[in-house]
């Protein structure tokens, strides 16, 4: 995070010899969390809840405050990482990160509908392919 601006190797395992869709889902989540932190975390009277601390007191109940919920939602919201307490995790099947990531990848593959290319973009691609075919002597 010391100025890095590229994340490389998403989805790769075995030094890039193998690609794994579950690993891609995990890496995407990690990259999103890194991006969240790199974009900066605002520190001001609102995010520090200065007024709420003064009003509620150091040992008061902050969980019921609107600001607590609002700022909690601003934190990274993982899709496959599981932050529940162990009892809740076990009650829901105790699946590990790899299993959840693979299931998410398969769901994405099953439901994804790519946006169609604009007609001019599709024509440009066909023109590039045709030019390359001519250059290589392919009909």
Protein backbone atom coordinates (compact mmCIF):
# COMPACT_ATOMS: atom_id res chain seq x y z
CA UNK A 1 0.00 0.00 0.00
CA UNK A 2 3.05 2.21 -0.22
CA UNK A 3 2.01 3.69 -3.53
CA UNK A 4 1.22 0.46 -5.38
CA UNK A 5 -1.24 1.06 -8.17
CA UNK A 6 -1.56 -2.41 -9.66
CA UNK A 7 -2.83 -5.68 -8.29
CA UNK A 8 -1.56 -8.59 -10.36
CA UNK A 9 -2.49 -12.23 -10.60
CA UNK A 10 -6.16 -12.24 -9.63
CA UNK A 11 -7.46 -15.80 -9.82
CA UNK A 12 -4.07 -17.36 -10.35
CA UNK A 13 -2.72 -20.21 -8.25
CA UNK A 14 0.40 -22.35 -8.61
CA UNK A 15 2.50 -19.34 -9.69
CA UNK A 16 0.05 -18.60 -12.48
CA UNK A 17 0.04 -22.10 -13.93
CA UNK A 18 -3.59 -22.58 -12.92
CA UNK A 19 -6.54 -20.20 -12.92
CA UNK A 20 -9.29 -20.70 -10.35
CA UNK A 21 -12.62 -18.86 -10.44
CA UNK A 22 -13.06 -19.22 -6.68
CA UNK A 23 -9.63 -17.65 -6.16
CA UNK A 24 -10.67 -14.83 -8.51
CA UNK A 25 -13.70 -14.10 -6.32
CA UNK A 26 -11.48 -14.05 -3.21
CA UNK A 27 -8.89 -11.83 -4.88
CA UNK A 28 -11.62 -9.47 -6.06
CA UNK A 29 -12.86 -9.12 -2.49
CA UNK A 30 -9.34 -8.49 -1.17
CA UNK A 31 -8.69 -5.90 -3.90
CA UNK A 32 -11.98 -4.13 -3.10
CA UNK A 33 -11.02 -3.97 0.58
CA UNK A 34 -7.56 -2.63 -0.27
CA UNK A 35 -9.10 -0.01 -2.56
CA UNK A 36 -11.42 1.05 0.25
CA UNK A 37 -8.48 1.67 2.58
CA UNK A 38 -6.26 3.29 -0.07
CA UNK A 39 -9.04 5.74 -0.93
CA UNK A 40 -8.69 7.05 2.59
CA UNK A 41 -10.71 6.98 5.74
CA UNK A 42 -12.27 10.31 6.66
CA UNK A 43 -11.41 11.53 10.12
CA UNK A 44 -13.52 14.45 11.29
CA UNK A 45 -15.91 15.34 14.08
CA UNK A 46 -18.73 13.41 12.38
CA UNK A 47 -16.80 10.17 11.81
CA UNK A 48 -15.25 10.38 15.26
CA UNK A 49 -18.74 10.87 16.74
CA UNK A 50 -17.51 13.77 18.86
CA UNK A 51 -21.03 15.10 19.52
CA UNK A 52 -22.42 11.62 20.23
CA UNK A 53 -19.62 10.85 22.70
CA UNK A 54 -20.27 14.13 24.49
CA UNK A 55 -24.03 13.45 24.57
CA UNK A 56 -24.01 9.71 25.40
CA UNK A 57 -20.84 9.55 27.46
CA UNK A 58 -17.85 7.28 27.32
CA UNK A 59 -19.71 4.24 28.67
CA UNK A 60 -23.07 4.83 26.98
CA UNK A 61 -24.85 2.85 24.27
CA UNK A 62 -23.59 3.84 20.82
CA UNK A 63 -24.99 0.84 18.94
CA UNK A 64 -28.50 2.31 18.78
CA UNK A 65 -27.37 5.61 17.29
CA UNK A 66 -28.14 6.39 13.64
CA UNK A 67 -24.57 7.60 13.09
CA UNK A 68 -23.15 4.27 14.26
CA UNK A 69 -25.19 2.32 11.73
CA UNK A 70 -24.48 4.84 8.96
CA UNK A 71 -20.72 4.76 9.49
CA UNK A 72 -20.66 1.00 9.95
CA UNK A 73 -22.21 0.61 6.48
CA UNK A 74 -19.44 2.78 5.04
CA UNK A 75 -16.91 0.11 5.99
CA UNK A 76 -16.04 -2.58 3.50
CA UNK A 77 -18.94 -4.94 2.99
CA UNK A 78 -17.50 -8.36 2.19
CA UNK A 79 -19.45 -10.78 0.04
CA UNK A 80 -17.56 -13.99 0.81
CA UNK A 81 -15.58 -13.24 3.97
CA UNK A 82 -17.57 -14.28 7.02
CA UNK A 83 -17.31 -12.09 10.10
CA UNK A 84 -20.04 -13.74 12.13
CA UNK A 85 -19.35 -15.20 15.55
CA UNK A 86 -18.39 -18.88 15.50
CA UNK A 87 -21.79 -20.10 16.76
CA UNK A 88 -23.64 -18.32 13.92
CA UNK A 89 -21.08 -19.52 11.36
CA UNK A 90 -21.45 -23.11 12.56
CA UNK A 91 -25.25 -22.87 12.59
CA UNK A 92 -25.15 -21.83 8.92
CA UNK A 93 -23.04 -24.80 7.85
CA UNK A 94 -19.49 -23.70 8.78
CA UNK A 95 -18.47 -23.29 5.13
CA UNK A 96 -14.93 -22.11 4.53
CA UNK A 97 -13.85 -19.17 2.38
CA UNK A 98 -12.83 -21.39 -0.55
CA UNK A 99 -16.23 -23.10 -0.67
CA UNK A 100 -18.15 -19.82 -0.45
CA UNK A 101 -15.94 -18.26 -3.13
CA UNK A 102 -16.39 -21.19 -5.48
CA UNK A 103 -20.17 -21.11 -4.98
CA UNK A 104 -20.19 -17.35 -5.68
CA UNK A 105 -18.09 -17.84 -8.83
CA UNK A 106 -20.42 -20.57 -10.12
CA UNK A 107 -23.46 -18.37 -9.43
CA UNK A 108 -21.85 -15.49 -11.34
CA UNK A 109 -21.02 -17.78 -14.27
CA UNK A 110 -24.59 -19.13 -14.33
CA UNK A 111 -26.32 -15.74 -14.15
CA UNK A 112 -24.01 -13.28 -15.90
CA UNK A 113 -25.37 -11.63 -19.02
CA UNK A 114 -22.72 -9.53 -20.74
CA UNK A 115 -23.73 -6.21 -22.18
CA UNK A 116 -23.76 -6.25 -25.98
CA UNK A 117 -21.01 -4.38 -27.78
CA UNK A 118 -21.93 -1.14 -29.51
CA UNK A 119 -22.29 -1.72 -33.24
CA UNK A 120 -19.33 0.55 -34.02
CA UNK A 121 -17.09 -1.28 -31.54
CA UNK A 122 -18.08 -4.65 -32.99
CA UNK A 123 -17.30 -3.31 -36.50
CA UNK A 124 -13.88 -2.07 -35.35
CA UNK A 125 -13.08 -5.50 -33.93
CA UNK A 126 -14.18 -7.22 -37.15
CA UNK A 127 -12.04 -4.75 -39.16
CA UNK A 128 -8.98 -5.48 -36.99
CA UNK A 129 -9.45 -9.22 -37.44
CA UNK A 130 -9.94 -8.83 -41.18
CA UNK A 131 -6.76 -6.71 -41.45
CA UNK A 132 -4.78 -9.29 -39.46
CA UNK A 133 -6.15 -12.10 -41.67
CA UNK A 134 -5.09 -10.17 -44.80
CA UNK A 135 -1.63 -9.54 -43.34
CA UNK A 136 -1.18 -13.24 -42.57
CA UNK A 137 -2.59 -14.30 -45.97
CA UNK A 138 -5.71 -15.88 -44.49
CA UNK A 139 -8.79 -15.70 -46.71
